[in-house]
């Protein structure tokens, strides 16, 4: 009987150790400097109602949370790519990844802000 209890307890605890799913990024290369892309990303997110929770220009990272329902969180990472920059966006809601296509509107708005829209 005690083995059964121990086995049951081990199975329950194993479920707690599972890692959360990692959000799939939506990426875009932009013909602009990483600094300009990062600054426009911060400005855009604030205009869209996001609160900037963390920003680090040296690392090229921004984390923001939507200040109204439904409470999305967005993480942006900007990396140099030769003379240009690559931005990678991920989003979560309640700790669960959101489909990457939901970030297309933000990327299109960012392209427009940088004067790079097709």
Protein backbone atom coordinates (compact mmCIF):
# COMPACT_ATOMS: atom_id res chain seq x y z
CA UNK A 1 0.00 0.00 0.00
CA UNK A 2 2.78 2.44 0.87
CA UNK A 3 4.43 1.80 -2.50
CA UNK A 4 1.19 2.74 -4.21
CA UNK A 5 1.01 6.01 -2.25
CA UNK A 6 4.64 6.83 -3.06
CA UNK A 7 4.10 6.05 -6.75
CA UNK A 8 0.96 8.19 -6.83
CA UNK A 9 2.77 11.07 -5.13
CA UNK A 10 5.68 10.79 -7.58
CA UNK A 11 3.31 10.93 -10.56
CA UNK A 12 1.53 13.98 -9.18
CA UNK A 13 4.82 15.79 -8.59
CA UNK A 14 6.09 14.87 -12.06
CA UNK A 15 3.20 16.82 -13.55
CA UNK A 16 4.32 19.90 -11.62
CA UNK A 17 7.82 19.68 -13.08
CA UNK A 18 6.64 19.99 -16.68
CA UNK A 19 8.02 23.05 -18.46
CA UNK A 20 5.78 25.69 -19.95
CA UNK A 21 5.55 25.76 -23.75
CA UNK A 22 7.87 28.24 -25.44
CA UNK A 23 6.19 30.85 -27.66
CA UNK A 24 7.05 30.66 -31.35
CA UNK A 25 8.62 33.95 -32.52
CA UNK A 26 7.53 36.07 -35.45
CA UNK A 27 10.63 37.58 -37.06
CA UNK A 28 11.29 40.28 -39.60
CA UNK A 29 14.45 41.78 -41.08
CA UNK A 30 14.37 45.56 -41.37
CA UNK A 31 16.69 47.93 -43.25
CA UNK A 32 17.22 50.14 -40.19
CA UNK A 33 19.69 50.31 -37.32
CA UNK A 34 18.99 48.13 -34.28
CA UNK A 35 18.73 51.25 -32.09
CA UNK A 36 16.08 52.80 -34.33
CA UNK A 37 14.11 49.55 -34.50
CA UNK A 38 14.20 49.15 -30.72
CA UNK A 39 13.15 52.75 -30.07
CA UNK A 40 10.27 52.57 -32.56
CA UNK A 41 9.19 49.25 -31.05
CA UNK A 42 9.02 50.81 -27.58
CA UNK A 43 7.11 53.84 -28.91
CA UNK A 44 4.69 51.64 -30.85
CA UNK A 45 3.99 49.36 -27.90
CA UNK A 46 3.31 52.34 -25.63
CA UNK A 47 0.94 53.87 -28.20
CA UNK A 48 -0.88 50.53 -28.42
CA UNK A 49 -1.50 50.59 -24.66
CA UNK A 50 1.34 48.38 -23.47
CA UNK A 51 3.28 49.13 -20.31
CA UNK A 52 7.01 48.67 -20.75
CA UNK A 53 8.04 46.36 -17.93
CA UNK A 54 11.70 45.90 -18.89
CA UNK A 55 13.88 47.44 -21.57
CA UNK A 56 17.59 47.04 -22.19
CA UNK A 57 19.06 48.85 -25.19
CA UNK A 58 22.43 47.09 -24.82
CA UNK A 59 20.79 43.67 -25.05
CA UNK A 60 18.18 44.83 -27.57
CA UNK A 61 15.26 43.52 -25.50
CA UNK A 62 11.89 44.87 -24.46
CA UNK A 63 9.16 43.22 -22.41
CA UNK A 64 5.73 44.82 -22.28
CA UNK A 65 2.28 43.99 -20.92
CA UNK A 66 -1.03 45.20 -22.27
CA UNK A 67 -2.54 47.46 -19.62
CA UNK A 68 -6.11 46.45 -20.45
CA UNK A 69 -8.02 43.22 -20.98
CA UNK A 70 -7.09 40.63 -22.23
CA UNK A 71 -3.63 41.19 -20.75
CA UNK A 72 -1.18 40.07 -23.42
CA UNK A 73 2.56 40.15 -22.83
CA UNK A 74 4.93 40.87 -25.69
CA UNK A 75 8.66 40.35 -25.80
CA UNK A 76 10.75 41.97 -28.52
CA UNK A 77 14.36 41.17 -29.27
CA UNK A 78 16.35 43.20 -31.80
CA UNK A 79 19.64 41.88 -33.15
CA UNK A 80 22.06 43.43 -35.62
CA UNK A 81 22.09 41.83 -39.05
CA UNK A 82 24.88 43.46 -41.03
CA UNK A 83 23.74 47.02 -41.80
CA UNK A 84 20.17 46.15 -40.80
CA UNK A 85 18.34 44.62 -37.84
CA UNK A 86 16.18 41.60 -37.17
CA UNK A 87 13.28 41.87 -34.76
CA UNK A 88 11.78 38.84 -33.07
CA UNK A 89 8.42 39.15 -31.31
CA UNK A 90 6.72 36.62 -29.05
CA UNK A 91 3.44 36.96 -27.15
CA UNK A 92 1.78 35.19 -24.25
CA UNK A 93 -1.47 35.44 -22.37
CA UNK A 94 -1.78 33.92 -18.93
CA UNK A 95 1.62 32.30 -19.40
CA UNK A 96 0.51 30.47 -22.55
CA UNK A 97 1.98 31.20 -25.97
CA UNK A 98 -0.16 33.02 -28.49
CA UNK A 99 -0.10 32.14 -32.20
CA UNK A 100 2.69 34.11 -33.89
CA UNK A 101 0.41 35.44 -36.65
CA UNK A 102 -1.25 37.69 -34.04
CA UNK A 103 1.94 39.77 -34.07
CA UNK A 104 1.75 40.56 -37.80
CA UNK A 105 -0.21 43.77 -37.17
CA UNK A 106 2.49 45.07 -34.83
CA UNK A 107 5.24 44.20 -37.32
CA UNK A 108 3.36 45.95 -40.15
CA UNK A 109 2.88 49.05 -37.98
CA UNK A 110 6.58 48.99 -37.11
CA UNK A 111 7.51 48.85 -40.80
CA UNK A 112 5.28 51.87 -41.45
CA UNK A 113 6.79 53.83 -38.54
CA UNK A 114 10.29 53.16 -39.89
CA UNK A 115 9.25 54.19 -43.43
CA UNK A 116 9.87 50.67 -44.73
CA UNK A 117 6.32 49.57 -45.56
CA UNK A 118 5.90 47.98 -48.99
